[in-house]
């Protein structure tokens, strides 16, 4: 999809005042950015920049399906290249959401009356 196509879609959606179900804009990240897909090595490098150092084997395991056919992270197979990809924002959200969950479940945030 070209930049011109994105702009036309956005104009139509603004004119209608709604986002159609299959709209590319609706499928974009919450931040309103276009998707940025990473392969295994790029995802590993992004996490390393956040001081999360994983081996190639560890990042590969996050993309392996379990017995129920589910992956630990939302990896998908690129229909053109046939390689595993993950959206950059989805990867960052997975870590952010786990951090928030951990903070909520810790004693740090509990309100105690002493």
Protein backbone atom coordinates (compact mmCIF):
# COMPACT_ATOMS: atom_id res chain seq x y z
CA UNK A 1 0.00 0.00 0.00
CA UNK A 2 1.49 3.34 -1.01
CA UNK A 3 1.49 6.54 1.03
CA UNK A 4 -1.13 7.92 -1.33
CA UNK A 5 -3.40 4.90 -0.65
CA UNK A 6 -3.01 5.43 3.11
CA UNK A 7 -3.95 9.09 2.75
CA UNK A 8 -7.00 8.27 0.61
CA UNK A 9 -8.16 5.68 3.14
CA UNK A 10 -7.70 8.10 6.03
CA UNK A 11 -9.61 10.86 4.19
CA UNK A 12 -12.51 8.50 3.47
CA UNK A 13 -12.62 7.35 7.10
CA UNK A 14 -12.59 10.93 8.40
CA UNK A 15 -15.36 11.88 5.96
CA UNK A 16 -17.51 8.94 7.09
CA UNK A 17 -16.72 9.63 10.75
CA UNK A 18 -16.01 5.97 11.42
CA UNK A 19 -13.43 3.28 10.85
CA UNK A 20 -14.64 0.39 8.68
CA UNK A 21 -14.05 -3.11 10.05
CA UNK A 22 -11.27 -4.08 7.62
CA UNK A 23 -9.68 -0.63 7.54
CA UNK A 24 -5.87 -0.43 7.47
CA UNK A 25 -6.11 2.53 9.83
CA UNK A 26 -8.12 0.52 12.37
CA UNK A 27 -5.51 -2.21 12.26
CA UNK A 28 -2.64 0.19 13.00
CA UNK A 29 -1.16 0.51 16.44
CA UNK A 30 -2.73 2.63 19.14
CA UNK A 31 -0.10 5.28 18.53
CA UNK A 32 -1.47 5.74 15.01
CA UNK A 33 1.72 4.67 13.28
CA UNK A 34 2.07 2.33 10.37
CA UNK A 35 3.17 -1.16 11.35
CA UNK A 36 6.90 -1.81 11.50
CA UNK A 37 7.63 -5.51 11.21
CA UNK A 38 10.76 -7.10 12.66
CA UNK A 39 12.35 -10.45 11.96
CA UNK A 40 13.87 -12.60 14.70
CA UNK A 41 17.25 -10.87 14.72
CA UNK A 42 15.79 -7.36 14.58
CA UNK A 43 13.47 -8.19 17.49
CA UNK A 44 16.44 -9.53 19.46
CA UNK A 45 18.37 -6.30 18.78
CA UNK A 46 15.41 -4.13 19.83
CA UNK A 47 15.14 -6.02 23.11
CA UNK A 48 18.91 -5.72 23.64
CA UNK A 49 18.53 -1.93 23.36
CA UNK A 50 16.10 -2.21 26.29
CA UNK A 51 18.73 -4.20 28.23
CA UNK A 52 16.90 -7.49 27.65
CA UNK A 53 19.65 -9.69 26.25
CA UNK A 54 18.43 -12.91 24.65
CA UNK A 55 20.31 -15.54 22.71
CA UNK A 56 19.13 -16.35 19.17
CA UNK A 57 17.74 -19.61 20.57
CA UNK A 58 15.70 -17.80 23.24
CA UNK A 59 14.11 -15.39 20.76
CA UNK A 60 13.37 -18.33 18.44
CA UNK A 61 11.62 -20.16 21.29
CA UNK A 62 9.29 -17.17 21.76
CA UNK A 63 8.08 -17.80 18.22
CA UNK A 64 7.62 -21.57 18.53
CA UNK A 65 4.09 -22.87 18.88
CA UNK A 66 3.13 -24.82 21.98
CA UNK A 67 0.95 -27.97 22.00
CA UNK A 68 -2.17 -25.79 21.64
CA UNK A 69 -0.80 -23.99 18.57
CA UNK A 70 -0.18 -20.73 20.47
CA UNK A 71 2.99 -18.63 20.44
CA UNK A 72 4.41 -16.81 23.49
CA UNK A 73 4.50 -13.58 21.45
CA UNK A 74 2.38 -12.55 18.42
CA UNK A 75 4.72 -13.76 15.68
CA UNK A 76 3.29 -14.49 12.24
CA UNK A 77 4.63 -15.83 8.97
CA UNK A 78 5.14 -13.11 6.38
CA UNK A 79 3.02 -14.16 3.37
CA UNK A 80 5.59 -12.86 0.87
CA UNK A 81 8.92 -13.84 2.42
CA UNK A 82 7.67 -16.87 4.36
CA UNK A 83 9.69 -15.74 7.40
CA UNK A 84 8.58 -15.05 10.95
CA UNK A 85 7.76 -11.41 11.71
CA UNK A 86 6.39 -9.44 14.65
CA UNK A 87 5.08 -5.89 14.83
CA UNK A 88 7.51 -3.66 16.74
CA UNK A 89 4.73 -2.12 18.84
CA UNK A 90 3.25 -5.54 19.66
CA UNK A 91 6.63 -6.70 20.95
CA UNK A 92 7.11 -3.58 23.07
CA UNK A 93 3.51 -3.82 24.36
CA UNK A 94 4.03 -7.41 25.46
CA UNK A 95 6.91 -6.35 27.71
CA UNK A 96 5.19 -3.19 28.91
CA UNK A 97 1.98 -5.06 29.78
CA UNK A 98 3.89 -7.68 31.78
CA UNK A 99 5.73 -4.93 33.65
CA UNK A 100 2.46 -3.18 34.54
CA UNK A 101 0.93 -6.51 35.61
CA UNK A 102 3.94 -7.22 37.84
CA UNK A 103 3.75 -3.77 39.42
CA UNK A 104 0.05 -4.20 40.17
CA UNK A 105 0.69 -7.57 41.79
CA UNK A 106 3.57 -6.38 43.95
CA UNK A 107 3.52 -5.15 47.54
CA UNK A 108 4.89 -1.86 46.28
CA UNK A 109 1.44 -0.78 45.08
CA UNK A 110 -0.70 -2.34 47.77
CA UNK A 111 -2.31 0.05 50.20
CA UNK A 112 -1.63 -1.05 53.73
CA UNK A 113 -2.92 0.53 56.89
CA UNK A 114 -0.16 0.51 59.46
